[in-house]
Protein backbone atom coordinates (compact mmCIF):
# COMPACT_ATOMS: atom_id res chain seq x y z
CA UNK A 1 -51.54 69.26 -17.38
CA UNK A 2 -55.35 69.08 -15.64
CA UNK A 3 -57.04 65.63 -16.13
CA UNK A 4 -60.61 65.47 -14.25
CA UNK A 5 -62.86 62.18 -13.18
CA UNK A 6 -66.40 60.52 -12.29
CA UNK A 7 -67.59 58.19 -10.70
CA UNK A 8 -70.92 57.05 -12.84
CA UNK A 9 -73.16 59.06 -10.84
CA UNK A 10 -71.44 62.50 -10.18
CA UNK A 11 -71.44 61.87 -7.07
CA UNK A 12 -67.18 61.98 -6.36
CA UNK A 13 -65.60 64.05 -9.42
CA UNK A 14 -62.16 64.38 -8.85
CA UNK A 15 -59.17 67.54 -10.37
CA UNK A 16 -55.46 64.92 -11.66
CA UNK A 17 -53.19 68.56 -11.52
CA UNK A 18 -50.12 66.43 -11.82
CA UNK A 19 -47.72 63.38 -13.89
CA UNK A 20 -50.39 60.64 -14.28
CA UNK A 21 -48.22 56.92 -14.76
CA UNK A 22 -49.50 54.41 -17.35
CA UNK A 23 -51.55 52.36 -16.97
CA UNK A 24 -51.65 48.85 -15.94
CA UNK A 25 -53.34 46.25 -15.26
CA UNK A 26 -54.17 44.14 -12.35
CA UNK A 27 -55.78 40.03 -12.74
CA UNK A 28 -55.81 39.49 -8.90
CA UNK A 29 -58.06 38.41 -7.42
CA UNK A 30 -59.27 40.70 -4.80
CA UNK A 31 -59.41 43.10 -8.80
CA UNK A 32 -61.50 41.55 -10.15
CA UNK A 33 -63.87 41.04 -7.30
CA UNK A 34 -64.07 44.13 -6.85
CA UNK A 35 -64.93 45.03 -10.84
CA UNK A 36 -66.22 42.66 -12.42
CA UNK A 37 -63.02 41.80 -14.51
CA UNK A 38 -59.61 43.08 -14.12
CA UNK A 39 -58.56 46.63 -13.36
CA UNK A 40 -56.82 48.94 -15.03
CA UNK A 41 -55.06 51.56 -13.52
CA UNK A 42 -53.15 55.26 -13.22
CA UNK A 43 -51.05 56.18 -9.95
CA UNK A 44 -50.76 60.06 -8.99
CA UNK A 45 -49.13 61.71 -6.12
CA UNK A 46 -51.33 61.83 -3.35
CA UNK A 47 -51.15 66.44 -3.77
CA UNK A 48 -52.10 66.33 -7.24
CA UNK A 49 -55.44 64.53 -6.10
CA UNK A 50 -58.14 67.14 -5.48
CA UNK A 51 -61.77 67.11 -5.35
CA UNK A 52 -64.79 68.69 -6.11
CA UNK A 53 -67.05 66.56 -5.47
CA UNK A 54 -66.71 63.49 -2.29
CA UNK A 55 -70.20 63.03 -1.34
CA UNK A 56 -70.83 59.12 -1.71
CA UNK A 57 -66.99 58.37 -1.26
CA UNK A 58 -66.77 55.16 0.99
CA UNK A 59 -63.05 53.46 2.00
CA UNK A 60 -63.10 49.79 2.04
CA UNK A 61 -60.25 48.48 3.21
CA UNK A 62 -59.83 45.33 1.52
CA UNK A 63 -56.25 44.16 2.98
CA UNK A 64 -53.34 44.92 6.21
CA UNK A 65 -52.85 47.37 3.69
CA UNK A 66 -54.47 48.79 1.55
CA UNK A 67 -58.16 50.49 0.80
CA UNK A 68 -59.94 50.57 -2.09
CA UNK A 69 -62.09 53.77 -2.90
CA UNK A 70 -66.21 53.58 -4.55
CA UNK A 71 -69.41 55.94 -5.64
CA UNK A 72 -72.27 54.32 -2.19
CA UNK A 73 -74.81 55.67 -4.89
CA UNK A 74 -73.30 54.27 -8.21
CA UNK A 75 -70.89 51.98 -6.90
CA UNK A 76 -68.38 53.33 -9.25
CA UNK A 77 -65.15 51.69 -8.20
CA UNK A 78 -62.49 54.27 -8.46
CA UNK A 79 -59.40 53.99 -6.68
CA UNK A 80 -56.65 52.27 -4.73
CA UNK A 81 -54.47 53.17 -1.50
CA UNK A 82 -51.96 51.68 0.28
CA UNK A 83 -52.60 53.64 3.66
CA UNK A 84 -48.48 54.64 4.22
CA UNK A 85 -48.30 55.75 1.22
CA UNK A 86 -47.89 59.30 -1.40
CA UNK A 87 -49.09 58.21 -4.02
CA UNK A 88 -53.38 56.85 -4.98
CA UNK A 89 -53.69 54.76 -7.35
CA UNK A 90 -56.67 56.29 -10.51
CA UNK A 91 -59.36 53.77 -12.19
CA UNK A 92 -58.24 54.74 -15.56
CA UNK A 93 -62.25 54.51 -16.94
CA UNK A 94 -63.62 56.66 -14.50
CA UNK A 95 -61.19 59.29 -16.02
CA UNK A 96 -62.56 61.81 -18.54
CA UNK A 97 -61.38 61.37 -22.39
CA UNK A 98 -58.59 61.80 -23.50
CA UNK A 99 -56.82 60.46 -21.15
CA UNK A 100 -52.80 60.50 -23.51
CA UNK A 101 -52.53 56.98 -21.44
CA UNK A 102 -51.52 53.49 -22.59
CA UNK A 103 -51.82 49.82 -20.62
CA UNK A 104 -48.04 49.38 -20.00
CA UNK A 105 -48.18 46.85 -17.85
CA UNK A 106 -50.29 43.81 -16.80
CA UNK A 107 -49.78 41.92 -13.02
CA UNK A 108 -51.36 39.22 -11.46
CA UNK A 109 -51.80 37.65 -14.44
CA UNK A 110 -50.92 34.40 -13.00
CA UNK A 111 -54.58 34.74 -11.45
CA UNK A 112 -56.32 36.20 -13.55
CA UNK A 113 -59.61 34.73 -14.98
CA UNK A 114 -60.19 32.47 -18.11
CA UNK A 115 -62.57 34.29 -20.12
CA UNK A 116 -60.46 36.66 -21.61
CA UNK A 117 -56.95 36.61 -23.43
CA UNK A 118 -54.04 39.29 -23.43
CA UNK A 119 -53.30 39.35 -26.77
CA UNK A 120 -51.62 43.31 -26.06
CA UNK A 121 -47.43 44.34 -26.22
CA UNK A 122 -47.44 45.30 -22.58
CA UNK A 123 -45.08 43.27 -20.70
CA UNK A 124 -47.14 40.52 -18.16
CA UNK A 125 -46.40 39.97 -14.88
CA UNK A 126 -47.18 36.53 -13.72
CA UNK A 127 -48.00 37.91 -10.18
CA UNK A 128 -46.29 41.40 -8.64
């Protein structure tokens, strides 16, 4: 199953050739600050992600264990990955529909902001 996605300006375009995990929504402070809200992300094996274009891809080391990939032109927040790992999280909103995904989990709910509520049936964890 081939899936595609990109940032807003098209400086980053990618293809996914393997299975995607259903969406996890992260409400932690870092995700809120990098996205302006909470982050909704799927995850794939790094080997299943191919870049068709990555001219504007920039990586920011956001902690001792992970980094975030974004577009240096349009500011699109696209990826999160552990420095040592074989998977990469992809922001679900950057995928071209239809995705075939559903939100299955909310994490760091204790850190969420106060301007929204969570009314879906997905599992909710106070932390990770």
